Amino acid sequence: MLTIVRKGVGTGSIRHCRRVPIWVVLSLALGCGGGGGGAPSIPTFPPPAQLYYDDSGGIPDSVRLVVRDQRSWEDVWNRATSRRADPPPLPTVDFSEQMVLVAAAGQMATGDRIHIDSLGVRRQLTADDDSEDVLDVVVQTTTGCGRFAGETYPVEIVRVLRFDGPVAWVEQSLRNPDC
């Protein structure tokens, strides 16, 4: 069973998505083995907790990062906040139970955004016909209306439950519906 959760806008609540992306359908179709009830359950994840969002250019490149230790966290935080005159303090992360995800978009136009939207765990076959759980991280890049000249470097940093397996980034490109 694949569960995807989303953060309710401004509520902190969990919403289950009604519209299922095609990669979910394909993952389920390819992952169905027709077996009995002996398959282990796949973990579910609460929605990501945003730690930081900025577009000043602290991380000027398009990157996707998984941070699982304090030293790397401090380095990423210092880079992300380096363009701020008064950088916020480093948020606390318990790396024994949590990890940090970073999505930076690189150079974009004013009004463009990036957002770590949701997480889901799926089971996939490995090269040696074993199976493993993979954490899918859905990242939405939204193109703005292009009304303002200028450039930005959007980055979002979130805290999630620790997952020690592989992480796959699922990219979604959107256009601002208000344009």
Protein backbone atom coordinates (compact mmCIF):
# COMPACT_ATOMS: atom_id res chain seq x y z
CA MET A 1 0.00 0.00 0.00
CA LEU A 2 1.32 3.42 -0.93
CA THR A 3 0.28 6.38 1.17
CA ILE A 4 0.96 9.94 0.15
CA VAL A 5 0.18 12.75 2.52
CA ARG A 6 0.03 16.48 1.98
CA LYS A 7 0.16 19.36 4.37
CA GLY A 8 -3.12 21.25 4.47
CA VAL A 9 -2.53 24.88 3.58
CA GLY A 10 -2.24 26.89 6.77
CA THR A 11 -3.83 24.19 8.91
CA GLY A 12 -1.04 21.78 9.74
CA SER A 13 -3.53 19.00 9.01
CA ILE A 14 -2.98 15.99 6.80
CA ARG A 15 -4.95 15.59 3.59
CA HIS A 16 -4.94 12.46 1.52
CA CYS A 17 -4.63 13.28 -2.16
CA ARG A 18 -7.57 12.38 -4.36
CA ARG A 19 -5.73 12.91 -7.65
CA VAL A 20 -3.06 10.26 -7.94
CA PRO A 21 0.01 11.07 -10.07
CA ILE A 22 0.78 8.63 -12.89
CA TRP A 23 4.02 7.50 -11.21
CA VAL A 24 1.95 6.23 -8.27
CA VAL A 25 -0.30 4.21 -10.53
CA LEU A 26 2.70 2.76 -12.38
CA SER A 27 4.51 1.98 -9.14
CA LEU A 28 1.49 0.12 -7.84
CA ALA A 29 0.91 -1.74 -11.09
CA LEU A 30 4.54 -2.79 -11.39
CA GLY A 31 4.84 -3.63 -7.71
CA CYS A 32 1.80 -5.92 -7.49
CA GLY A 33 2.97 -9.47 -7.15
CA GLY A 34 -0.41 -11.04 -6.54
CA GLY A 35 0.96 -12.60 -3.36
CA GLY A 36 -0.82 -13.33 -0.12
CA GLY A 37 -0.93 -11.32 3.06
CA GLY A 38 2.67 -12.08 4.05
CA ALA A 39 4.20 -8.91 2.56
CA PRO A 40 5.68 -6.47 5.08
CA SER A 41 3.91 -3.14 5.46
CA ILE A 42 5.40 -0.02 3.90
CA PRO A 43 5.98 2.88 6.32
CA THR A 44 3.95 6.06 5.97
CA PHE A 45 5.22 9.58 6.52
CA PRO A 46 3.66 12.68 8.03
CA PRO A 47 3.94 15.83 5.89
CA PRO A 48 7.24 17.69 5.79
CA ALA A 49 7.79 20.51 8.31
CA GLN A 50 9.21 23.61 6.63
CA LEU A 51 12.35 24.93 8.33
CA TYR A 52 13.31 27.61 5.81
CA TYR A 53 12.27 29.21 2.54
CA ASP A 54 14.20 31.93 0.77
CA ASP A 55 15.03 33.14 -2.71
CA SER A 56 18.06 35.36 -2.08
CA GLY A 57 20.64 33.03 -3.62
CA GLY A 58 22.35 31.34 -0.69
CA ILE A 59 22.21 28.14 -2.75
CA PRO A 60 22.47 29.42 -6.33
CA ASP A 61 22.36 26.03 -8.08
CA SER A 62 19.53 23.61 -8.73
CA VAL A 63 20.09 20.85 -6.17
CA ARG A 64 18.23 18.17 -4.25
CA LEU A 65 19.89 17.12 -0.99
CA VAL A 66 19.23 14.61 1.77
CA VAL A 67 20.95 15.59 5.04
CA ARG A 68 21.32 12.86 7.67
CA ASP A 69 24.00 14.25 10.03
CA GLN A 70 24.68 17.39 12.08
CA ARG A 71 27.89 18.44 10.34
CA SER A 72 26.28 18.38 6.87
CA TRP A 73 23.23 20.16 8.29
CA GLU A 74 25.34 23.02 9.63
CA ASP A 75 27.09 23.34 6.25
CA VAL A 76 23.81 23.40 4.28
CA TRP A 77 22.24 25.88 6.71
CA ASN A 78 25.23 28.23 6.52
CA ARG A 79 25.13 28.12 2.70
CA ALA A 80 21.35 28.63 2.50
CA THR A 81 21.36 31.63 4.86
CA SER A 82 24.66 33.18 3.69
CA ARG A 83 22.99 36.03 1.76
CA ARG A 84 20.85 37.16 4.70
CA ALA A 85 22.01 40.23 6.64
CA ASP A 86 20.72 38.68 9.88
CA PRO A 87 20.57 34.87 9.36
CA PRO A 88 18.11 32.93 11.48
CA PRO A 89 19.53 30.48 14.02
CA LEU A 90 20.12 26.87 13.01
CA PRO A 91 16.96 24.81 13.71
CA THR A 92 17.38 21.76 15.91
CA VAL A 93 17.16 18.40 14.17
CA ASP A 94 17.34 15.06 15.99
CA PHE A 95 19.20 13.03 13.36
CA SER A 96 18.54 9.78 15.19
CA GLU A 97 14.84 10.19 14.26
CA GLN A 98 14.77 12.88 11.57
CA MET A 99 16.51 14.06 8.43
CA VAL A 100 16.46 17.22 6.32
CA LEU A 101 15.48 17.57 2.66
CA VAL A 102 16.67 20.51 0.57
CA ALA A 103 15.27 21.55 -2.80
CA ALA A 104 16.89 24.51 -4.52
CA ALA A 105 15.69 25.63 -7.95
CA GLY A 106 18.68 27.57 -9.24
CA GLN A 107 18.14 30.88 -11.03
CA MET A 108 14.51 31.63 -11.74
CA ALA A 109 12.36 34.69 -12.40
CA THR A 110 10.73 36.75 -9.67
CA GLY A 111 7.54 35.01 -8.57
CA ASP A 112 8.75 31.48 -9.35
CA ARG A 113 8.68 29.04 -6.42
CA ILE A 114 9.85 25.62 -5.32
CA HIS A 115 8.06 23.41 -2.81
CA ILE A 116 8.62 19.98 -1.30
CA ASP A 117 5.02 18.89 -1.60
CA SER A 118 4.70 15.35 -0.30
CA LEU A 119 6.42 12.07 0.56
CA GLY A 120 5.59 8.48 -0.17
CA VAL A 121 7.31 5.15 0.28
CA ARG A 122 7.18 2.53 -2.44
CA ARG A 123 8.70 -0.90 -2.76
CA GLN A 124 10.89 -1.62 -5.79
CA LEU A 125 12.85 -4.58 -7.04
CA THR A 126 16.64 -4.42 -6.84
CA ALA A 127 19.09 -5.74 -9.44
CA ASP A 128 19.40 -9.04 -7.56
CA ASP A 129 15.59 -9.61 -7.46
CA ASP A 130 15.29 -8.52 -3.85
CA SER A 131 13.05 -5.63 -2.86
CA GLU A 132 13.71 -2.39 -1.05
CA ASP A 133 11.71 0.59 0.13
CA VAL A 134 12.36 3.89 -1.64
CA LEU A 135 11.26 7.29 -0.36
CA ASP A 136 9.71 9.37 -3.16
CA VAL A 137 9.90 13.11 -2.54
CA VAL A 138 7.57 15.17 -4.73
CA VAL A 139 9.04 18.59 -5.57
CA GLN A 140 6.87 21.17 -7.29
CA THR A 141 8.47 24.00 -9.23
CA THR A 142 5.91 26.70 -10.02
CA THR A 143 6.53 29.21 -12.76
CA GLY A 144 5.15 32.64 -11.97
CA CYS A 145 3.45 35.08 -14.28
CA GLY A 146 6.60 36.83 -15.46
CA ARG A 147 5.21 40.24 -14.51
CA PHE A 148 8.30 41.36 -12.60
CA ALA A 149 11.83 41.61 -13.91
CA GLY A 150 14.51 40.14 -11.76
CA GLU A 151 16.01 36.88 -10.73
CA THR A 152 15.60 34.75 -7.65
CA TYR A 153 17.09 31.50 -6.36
CA PRO A 154 14.28 29.70 -4.51
CA VAL A 155 15.20 27.11 -1.87
CA GLU A 156 13.03 25.18 0.56
CA ILE A 157 14.36 23.17 3.50
CA VAL A 158 12.13 20.74 5.38
CA ARG A 159 12.43 18.30 8.27
CA VAL A 160 10.98 14.78 7.89
CA LEU A 161 11.16 11.46 9.67
CA ARG A 162 14.45 9.67 9.11
CA PHE A 163 14.54 7.19 6.24
CA ASP A 164 17.76 5.26 5.76
CA GLY A 165 16.98 3.83 2.33
CA PRO A 166 17.31 5.40 -1.11
CA VAL A 167 15.52 8.67 -1.89
CA ALA A 168 14.05 9.45 -5.32
CA TRP A 169 13.04 12.97 -6.31
CA VAL A 170 9.83 13.23 -8.32
CA GLU A 171 9.70 16.53 -10.19
CA GLN A 172 6.49 18.36 -11.06
CA SER A 173 6.45 21.59 -13.07
CA LEU A 174 3.42 23.81 -12.58
CA ARG A 175 2.26 27.16 -13.89
CA ASN A 176 0.79 29.65 -11.44
CA PRO A 177 -3.00 29.36 -11.94
CA ASP A 178 -3.47 33.09 -11.29
CA CYS A 179 -1.58 34.10 -14.46
